[in-house]
Structure formats: structure tokens, C-alpha cells
Amino acid sequence: MNKKALITGITGQDGSYLAEYLLDLGYEVHGLVRRVALEDPQRRFTRISHLLEKITLHPASLESYPSIFHIFSQHNFDECYHLAAQSFVAESFADGFSTMNTNINGTHYILAAIRELRPECRFYFAGTSEMFGKVKEIPQRETTPFHPRSPYGISKVAGFDLTRNYREAYNMFCCSGLLFNHEGPRRGFEFVTRKITSTVARIKFGLASELRLGNLEAKRDWGHAADYVRAMHAMLQQPEPEDFVVATGETHSVREFCELAFAQVDLNYRDYVVIDGKHYRPAEVDMLVGDSTKAREILNWQPQYTFDELVKEMVENDLELTALQPRKLAASEI
């Protein structure tokens, strides 16, 4: 009998890649979506439009325990991947209250519903390298102390602790993936990597003349989301629940990302990048790089994409999308 999985955040970057991966493995895939998304599918379901006939979507809100409880009362899921969150760090500074409410309460509601209704369901929590924040050691591993530097990072530490507490207090299969930055062509435009690649494409087509960024020296451990969802699944297949760092172990600066992205279209980033103070964070995280030795040894996981391949794929995707824009505009004017 096929396994049945629920993915919160299925319309996002990670959710879409994970849904594809689980479908390929023969899973019955369900997704939790906001009701407003069902009312605007053309815009909200762009990442999963090709999957809509293969998956089942359920309207619910992470801020409503009754709506989450109802879904678990109707379906006996084998696995739950909790990916949904307000995950844009800059927005978490702008609206820390809603970030805390959605990310902490949403995680608690799902864990509580599983405990009450489906205690055998295995639970995955999407942790983040932002939990390490002002790092105590380099590279960061599972035992590195947390020192989050944003409301988003703080909310994720709380979710991690909730997940661990349900594992220890109620003997549930609950684990967290401490995932370092993972990108791809489905990344939201508000994130710096996609901002860079989409603007590079617009500059190449003469639709933009500059790229405004903050701290070019900030360094991140960037991998591909398609690689990282494989690790999420592997965690829930283990005999015992454990937490894992998932990372490439390489670090690259925002400046390097710019240099590589502009080079893809034979341009020099120095001619177009403008440093803008408003894009600096109130509390910056300068050096995040993960030690994924545990995941590589126990999960037999390793990334397949290189940093260069990741940047190239993102730029090529945005070039294709941008090439379509003038034709769309012309058609609408007829």
C-alpha cells in the first residue's frame, strides 16, 4: 500500500520539489494550502501547476488549530512535512509579530493534532541555518549552540524545541532538518539569490539598468532545493528520529554569486551592482557554513548540484522567463 504524506507549504519552492520527489517514489501526496490560494490558483500555484491532477489539496490555516485538526481527523497520514512558514528574513524584521504567530503556533498546532489523532505519523520540521545566527563555531553542526539574529530565526528555534519536546515527552517520531540556504529557479523573487538572477536577466534584455543590494560580503552555504528535499525524506525513513544538518560545506559570498550570475550573460557585475544601505539587516549574519557529516554518513546523502551549476540554472531559467515578457506585453496591447 502506498504511503500517504502531507506537505505544509506545498506551493513553495521546497514543497513543490518535495511533492515531485514523493510522487516519483509512489506516495499519495496531500498539501495544506490557504483558502485564498484556492481562490487565485493561477498566481498561487505556479510552482505546482504541473502536479495539480496528481495531488490533493486541503484548505487550512496555520493560525487555526480547528482547521488543522479537521484535516488530520479525516486522513491517516504516514508522514507530515512541515515546511510552511513566513520565511523571508527581512519581512520578519518588518513584522515580527505575525512571523512569530504563524511559525511557532503553526508548528505547535500540527504537532498537537498529530499527537491527538495520528501519533504514528512521522513528523519533519523545517529548521534553518538562521537558527545559528551569530555563530559560536565554524562550521556549524548539530551540536552548535543557537544564537538567532532575526525574528524568523528565533521562531524557528522555538519550532525546533517544540519538535524535540514532542519527541522526548510523547515518544513520537519527530525530527528537524537544519537546512542551510537552498535555492533554485523556483525561489521567491524577494530572496537575494533570485533577486540577483532575475535582475541579471532583466539587465540583459534592457529592462533594468542596475541591481541594488546590501552586504556583498555576507557568506552563505548555498545548495539546490532539489537536493535538500531528498534529505528531508531520508530523515523520516530512519529507525529512530534524529536531527540533521543539511549543507554543502562550501561558503560563497553574495559578491561571488553576483560575479558568477553576471558572467553567465557576459557582463561585469561591478558595472551594475549598487550598494544600498536600506538592504542591510538590523542584525547581520555574516558566516554560515554547515558540517553535514552526520547526514552524509547516516542518511547516505550528498548534494548533486555544484554552486556553479545552481547559479547557471537560475540565470538560464530567468532568461527564459524574461524573454517571454515582451511578447506578453505586446499581446495585451492588441
Protein backbone atom coordinates (compact mmCIF):
# COMPACT_ATOMS: atom_id res chain seq x y z
CA MET A 1 0.00 0.00 0.00
CA ASN A 2 1.31 3.45 -0.95
CA LYS A 3 2.46 5.80 1.79
CA LYS A 4 0.41 8.92 2.38
CA ALA A 5 2.19 12.22 3.06
CA LEU A 6 1.01 15.71 3.97
CA ILE A 7 3.15 18.69 2.98
CA THR A 8 2.50 22.10 4.51
CA GLY A 9 3.91 24.83 2.29
CA ILE A 10 3.44 22.67 -0.80
CA THR A 11 3.08 25.76 -3.01
CA GLY A 12 6.57 26.97 -2.07
CA GLN A 13 9.96 26.14 -3.52
CA ASP A 14 10.73 23.20 -1.23
CA GLY A 15 7.15 21.94 -1.18
CA SER A 16 7.00 21.69 -4.95
CA TYR A 17 10.29 19.79 -5.23
CA LEU A 18 9.32 17.50 -2.35
CA ALA A 19 5.92 16.76 -3.90
CA GLU A 20 7.61 15.77 -7.17
CA TYR A 21 10.10 13.57 -5.33
CA LEU A 22 7.44 11.78 -3.26
CA LEU A 23 5.19 11.24 -6.29
CA ASP A 24 8.13 9.64 -8.10
CA LEU A 25 8.50 7.29 -5.12
CA GLY A 26 4.84 6.27 -5.38
CA TYR A 27 3.45 8.33 -2.50
CA GLU A 28 -0.08 9.63 -2.25
CA VAL A 29 0.67 13.34 -1.78
CA HIS A 30 -1.56 15.84 0.02
CA GLY A 31 -0.89 19.53 0.56
CA LEU A 32 -2.12 22.12 3.02
CA VAL A 33 -2.88 25.49 1.40
CA ARG A 34 -4.51 28.72 2.46
CA ARG A 35 -8.06 29.18 1.23
CA VAL A 36 -7.05 32.40 -0.52
CA ALA A 37 -4.68 30.34 -2.67
CA LEU A 38 -7.55 28.17 -3.89
CA GLU A 39 -9.33 31.34 -4.98
CA ASP A 40 -6.33 32.52 -7.02
CA PRO A 41 -4.76 29.31 -8.38
CA GLN A 42 -3.18 30.88 -11.46
CA ARG A 43 -0.88 33.05 -9.34
CA ARG A 44 -0.57 31.00 -6.15
CA PHE A 45 0.01 27.56 -7.69
CA THR A 46 2.65 28.42 -10.29
CA ARG A 47 5.23 26.03 -8.80
CA ILE A 48 2.82 23.08 -8.60
CA SER A 49 0.57 23.73 -11.62
CA HIS A 50 2.00 20.66 -13.37
CA LEU A 51 1.16 18.50 -10.33
CA LEU A 52 -2.41 19.56 -9.59
CA GLU A 53 -4.00 16.45 -11.10
CA LYS A 54 -1.69 14.17 -9.09
CA ILE A 55 -2.04 15.70 -5.61
CA THR A 56 -4.86 16.50 -3.16
CA LEU A 57 -5.04 19.98 -1.65
CA HIS A 58 -6.74 20.90 1.62
CA PRO A 59 -7.66 24.46 2.66
CA ALA A 60 -6.43 25.30 6.16
CA SER A 61 -4.60 27.98 8.11
CA LEU A 62 -1.54 27.52 10.30
CA GLU A 63 -3.16 30.08 12.61
CA SER A 64 -6.26 27.93 13.09
CA TYR A 65 -5.96 24.77 15.19
CA PRO A 66 -9.53 23.59 14.28
CA SER A 67 -8.73 23.64 10.54
CA ILE A 68 -5.54 21.61 11.07
CA PHE A 69 -7.28 19.23 13.47
CA HIS A 70 -10.02 18.64 10.88
CA ILE A 71 -7.55 17.57 8.17
CA PHE A 72 -5.81 15.07 10.45
CA SER A 73 -9.18 13.73 11.62
CA GLN A 74 -10.09 12.91 8.02
CA HIS A 75 -6.82 11.38 6.81
CA ASN A 76 -4.38 8.85 8.21
CA PHE A 77 -1.04 10.28 7.05
CA ASP A 78 2.14 8.22 7.36
CA GLU A 79 4.36 11.29 7.14
CA CYS A 80 3.97 15.03 7.63
CA TYR A 81 6.50 17.51 6.25
CA HIS A 82 6.01 20.87 7.91
CA LEU A 83 7.63 23.33 5.52
CA ALA A 84 5.16 26.23 5.68
CA ALA A 85 6.44 29.36 7.40
CA GLN A 86 6.93 33.07 6.99
CA SER A 87 10.48 32.51 5.82
CA PHE A 88 11.71 35.83 4.43
CA VAL A 89 14.15 37.24 7.00
CA ALA A 90 13.69 40.90 6.03
CA GLU A 91 9.92 40.60 6.39
CA SER A 92 10.38 39.03 9.82
CA PHE A 93 12.07 42.24 10.96
CA ALA A 94 9.26 44.32 9.44
CA ASP A 95 6.50 42.22 11.02
CA GLY A 96 7.91 40.12 13.83
CA PHE A 97 4.52 39.53 15.43
CA SER A 98 2.93 37.66 12.51
CA THR A 99 6.19 35.75 11.89
CA MET A 100 6.18 34.50 15.49
CA ASN A 101 2.47 33.73 15.45
CA THR A 102 2.49 31.77 12.19
CA ASN A 103 5.78 29.95 12.67
CA ILE A 104 5.54 29.00 16.34
CA ASN A 105 1.80 28.41 16.75
CA GLY A 106 1.52 26.70 13.37
CA THR A 107 4.18 24.16 14.34
CA HIS A 108 2.58 23.62 17.75
CA TYR A 109 -0.90 23.13 16.25
CA ILE A 110 0.33 20.46 13.82
CA LEU A 111 2.29 18.60 16.49
CA ALA A 112 -0.71 18.71 18.84
CA ALA A 113 -3.08 17.41 16.16
CA ILE A 114 -0.71 14.55 15.27
CA ARG A 115 -0.33 13.59 18.91
CA GLU A 116 -4.09 13.63 19.45
CA LEU A 117 -5.17 11.91 16.24
CA ARG A 118 -2.26 10.25 14.39
CA PRO A 119 0.55 9.52 16.88
CA GLU A 120 2.17 7.06 14.45
CA CYS A 121 2.57 9.77 11.78
CA ARG A 122 6.22 10.74 11.33
CA PHE A 123 6.86 14.49 11.52
CA TYR A 124 9.53 16.58 9.82
CA PHE A 125 10.21 20.17 10.91
CA ALA A 126 11.99 22.54 8.54
CA GLY A 127 14.74 24.11 10.58
CA THR A 128 17.22 26.60 9.15
CA SER A 129 20.80 27.78 9.40
CA GLU A 130 19.39 31.15 10.55
CA MET A 131 18.91 29.46 13.95
CA PHE A 132 22.70 29.52 14.40
CA GLY A 133 22.82 33.25 13.68
CA LYS A 134 25.82 34.76 15.47
CA VAL A 135 27.73 31.55 15.18
CA LYS A 136 29.66 30.03 18.06
CA GLU A 137 31.79 27.83 15.79
CA ILE A 138 32.59 27.34 12.11
CA PRO A 139 31.36 25.15 10.52
CA GLN A 140 28.03 24.66 12.29
CA ARG A 141 26.90 21.14 13.21
CA GLU A 142 24.02 19.56 15.14
CA THR A 143 25.64 20.38 18.49
CA THR A 144 26.42 24.04 17.73
CA PRO A 145 24.54 26.39 20.12
CA PHE A 146 21.84 28.61 18.61
CA HIS A 147 22.10 32.40 18.63
CA PRO A 148 19.41 33.60 16.17
CA ARG A 149 19.69 37.16 14.87
CA SER A 150 16.19 37.71 13.43
CA PRO A 151 12.56 37.13 14.46
CA TYR A 152 12.48 34.41 11.79
CA GLY A 153 15.49 32.63 13.31
CA ILE A 154 14.00 32.95 16.81
CA SER A 155 10.69 31.47 15.66
CA LYS A 156 12.49 28.53 14.09
CA VAL A 157 14.46 27.83 17.29
CA ALA A 158 11.12 27.67 19.11
CA GLY A 159 9.77 25.26 16.47
CA PHE A 160 12.88 23.11 16.81
CA ASP A 161 12.44 22.96 20.59
CA LEU A 162 8.75 22.12 20.23
CA THR A 163 9.60 19.29 17.84
CA ARG A 164 12.26 17.89 20.17
CA ASN A 165 9.90 18.19 23.15
CA TYR A 166 7.14 16.19 21.44
CA ARG A 167 9.74 13.56 20.53
CA GLU A 168 11.01 13.26 24.09
CA ALA A 169 7.79 13.79 26.03
CA TYR A 170 5.41 11.69 23.91
CA ASN A 171 7.79 9.26 22.17
CA MET A 172 6.67 10.49 18.73
CA PHE A 173 8.79 10.23 15.59
CA CYS A 174 9.64 13.93 15.23
CA CYS A 175 12.83 15.27 13.69
CA SER A 176 14.24 18.54 12.37
CA GLY A 177 16.38 19.27 9.37
CA LEU A 178 18.80 22.14 9.99
CA LEU A 179 18.91 23.14 6.36
CA PHE A 180 21.38 25.71 5.13
CA ASN A 181 20.44 28.05 2.28
CA HIS A 182 18.99 26.15 -0.63
CA GLU A 183 17.95 27.84 -3.82
CA GLY A 184 16.75 27.08 -7.33
CA PRO A 185 14.73 28.51 -10.21
CA ARG A 186 11.56 28.30 -8.09
CA ARG A 187 12.96 30.58 -5.37
CA GLY A 188 10.82 33.61 -4.49
CA PHE A 189 11.86 36.91 -6.08
CA GLU A 190 12.28 38.55 -2.65
CA PHE A 191 15.27 36.35 -1.79
CA VAL A 192 18.69 37.74 -2.66
CA THR A 193 19.71 34.88 -4.97
CA ARG A 194 16.58 35.15 -7.13
CA LYS A 195 16.73 38.94 -6.97
CA ILE A 196 20.21 38.70 -8.46
CA THR A 197 19.42 36.20 -11.23
CA SER A 198 16.12 37.81 -12.25
CA THR A 199 17.71 41.27 -12.38
CA VAL A 200 20.63 39.92 -14.40
CA ALA A 201 18.10 38.66 -16.95
CA ARG A 202 16.25 41.99 -16.97
CA ILE A 203 19.51 43.88 -17.47
CA LYS A 204 20.49 41.56 -20.33
CA PHE A 205 17.17 42.29 -22.06
CA GLY A 206 17.41 46.04 -21.46
CA LEU A 207 14.56 46.07 -18.92
CA ALA A 208 16.72 47.21 -15.98
CA SER A 209 19.95 49.15 -15.55
CA GLU A 210 21.09 48.35 -12.01
CA LEU A 211 20.90 45.85 -9.15
CA ARG A 212 20.61 47.31 -5.64
CA LEU A 213 21.95 45.08 -2.84
CA GLY A 214 23.09 45.29 0.78
CA ASN A 215 26.05 43.43 2.25
CA LEU A 216 28.05 41.85 -0.57
CA GLU A 217 30.47 40.26 1.88
CA ALA A 218 27.83 38.16 3.68
CA LYS A 219 28.72 34.50 3.16
CA ARG A 220 26.32 31.59 2.86
CA ASP A 221 26.38 27.85 2.27
CA TRP A 222 24.19 27.64 -0.85
CA GLY A 223 22.81 24.35 -2.17
CA HIS A 224 19.97 23.32 -4.50
CA ALA A 225 16.49 22.75 -3.08
CA ALA A 226 16.03 19.61 -5.21
CA ASP A 227 18.99 18.05 -3.38
CA TYR A 228 17.75 19.06 0.06
CA VAL A 229 14.25 17.55 -0.20
CA ARG A 230 15.91 14.14 -0.64
CA ALA A 231 17.45 14.60 2.79
CA MET A 232 14.07 15.52 4.31
CA HIS A 233 12.57 12.26 3.10
CA ALA A 234 15.59 10.21 4.20
CA MET A 235 15.25 11.53 7.77
CA LEU A 236 11.74 10.09 8.09
CA GLN A 237 12.90 6.67 6.86
CA GLN A 238 15.37 6.13 9.72
CA PRO A 239 14.71 3.63 12.54
CA GLU A 240 14.96 6.42 15.15
CA PRO A 241 14.17 10.15 14.90
CA GLU A 242 17.23 12.40 14.87
CA ASP A 243 18.07 15.94 13.81
CA PHE A 244 20.44 16.57 10.90
CA VAL A 245 22.38 19.47 9.41
CA VAL A 246 21.98 19.53 5.63
CA ALA A 247 24.57 21.65 3.83
CA THR A 248 27.17 21.62 1.06
CA GLY A 249 30.04 22.56 3.38
CA GLU A 250 31.12 25.29 0.94
CA THR A 251 30.77 29.00 1.53
CA HIS A 252 30.32 31.75 -1.06
CA SER A 253 29.73 35.47 -0.69
CA VAL A 254 26.90 37.48 -2.20
CA ARG A 255 29.64 39.15 -4.26
CA GLU A 256 30.71 35.75 -5.70
CA PHE A 257 27.09 34.95 -6.53
CA CYS A 258 26.79 38.27 -8.38
CA GLU A 259 30.05 37.78 -10.24
CA LEU A 260 29.05 34.33 -11.43
CA ALA A 261 25.48 35.31 -12.35
CA PHE A 262 26.55 38.33 -14.44
CA ALA A 263 29.31 36.30 -16.08
CA GLN A 264 26.62 33.93 -17.39
CA VAL A 265 25.46 36.74 -19.69
CA ASP A 266 28.97 38.12 -20.35
CA LEU A 267 28.58 41.16 -18.10
CA ASN A 268 30.70 42.52 -15.24
CA TYR A 269 28.73 42.82 -12.03
CA ARG A 270 30.72 45.91 -10.99
CA ASP A 271 29.06 47.88 -13.78
CA TYR A 272 25.56 47.25 -12.43
CA VAL A 273 25.56 46.47 -8.69
CA VAL A 274 24.75 49.41 -6.40
CA ILE A 275 25.21 49.12 -2.62
CA ASP A 276 22.09 50.39 -0.87
CA GLY A 277 22.07 50.78 2.91
CA LYS A 278 18.37 50.03 3.19
CA HIS A 279 19.07 46.43 2.18
CA TYR A 280 21.28 45.77 5.20
CA ARG A 281 19.73 43.77 8.04
CA PRO A 282 19.41 45.37 11.51
CA ALA A 283 21.46 42.40 12.80
CA GLU A 284 23.55 40.70 10.14
CA VAL A 285 24.60 37.07 9.98
CA ASP A 286 28.00 37.06 8.29
CA MET A 287 29.27 33.48 8.09
CA LEU A 288 27.05 30.44 7.78
CA VAL A 289 28.55 27.14 6.63
CA GLY A 290 27.34 23.70 7.62
CA ASP A 291 29.01 20.43 8.54
CA SER A 292 26.71 17.74 7.14
CA THR A 293 28.95 14.79 8.09
CA LYS A 294 26.15 13.15 10.08
CA ALA A 295 23.68 13.35 7.17
CA ARG A 296 26.27 12.04 4.73
CA GLU A 297 27.14 9.08 6.95
CA ILE A 298 23.73 8.09 8.35
CA LEU A 299 21.38 9.19 5.55
CA ASN A 300 23.89 8.43 2.79
CA TRP A 301 23.08 11.89 1.43
CA GLN A 302 25.24 14.23 -0.56
CA PRO A 303 24.46 17.18 -2.84
CA GLN A 304 24.47 16.59 -6.56
CA TYR A 305 24.49 20.21 -7.75
CA THR A 306 27.63 22.36 -7.60
CA PHE A 307 27.44 26.06 -6.76
CA ASP A 308 28.25 26.97 -10.39
CA GLU A 309 25.51 24.66 -11.70
CA LEU A 310 22.98 26.17 -9.29
CA VAL A 311 23.71 29.75 -10.37
CA LYS A 312 23.74 28.79 -14.05
CA GLU A 313 20.36 27.03 -13.82
CA MET A 314 18.79 30.00 -12.03
CA VAL A 315 20.11 32.52 -14.57
CA GLU A 316 19.05 30.39 -17.55
CA ASN A 317 15.56 29.99 -16.09
CA ASP A 318 15.18 33.75 -15.56
CA LEU A 319 16.47 34.47 -19.06
CA GLU A 320 13.75 32.20 -20.45
CA LEU A 321 11.05 33.84 -18.33
CA THR A 322 12.20 37.35 -19.20
CA ALA A 323 12.34 36.53 -22.91
CA LEU A 324 8.59 35.82 -22.76
CA GLN A 325 7.70 39.14 -21.12
CA PRO A 326 7.85 41.46 -24.16
CA ARG A 327 5.59 39.11 -26.15
CA LYS A 328 3.06 39.01 -23.32
CA LEU A 329 3.02 42.80 -23.13
CA ALA A 330 2.58 43.11 -26.87
CA ALA A 331 -0.33 40.67 -26.87
CA SER A 332 -2.14 42.57 -24.12
CA GLU A 333 -1.92 45.80 -26.08
CA ILE A 334 -3.66 44.41 -29.17
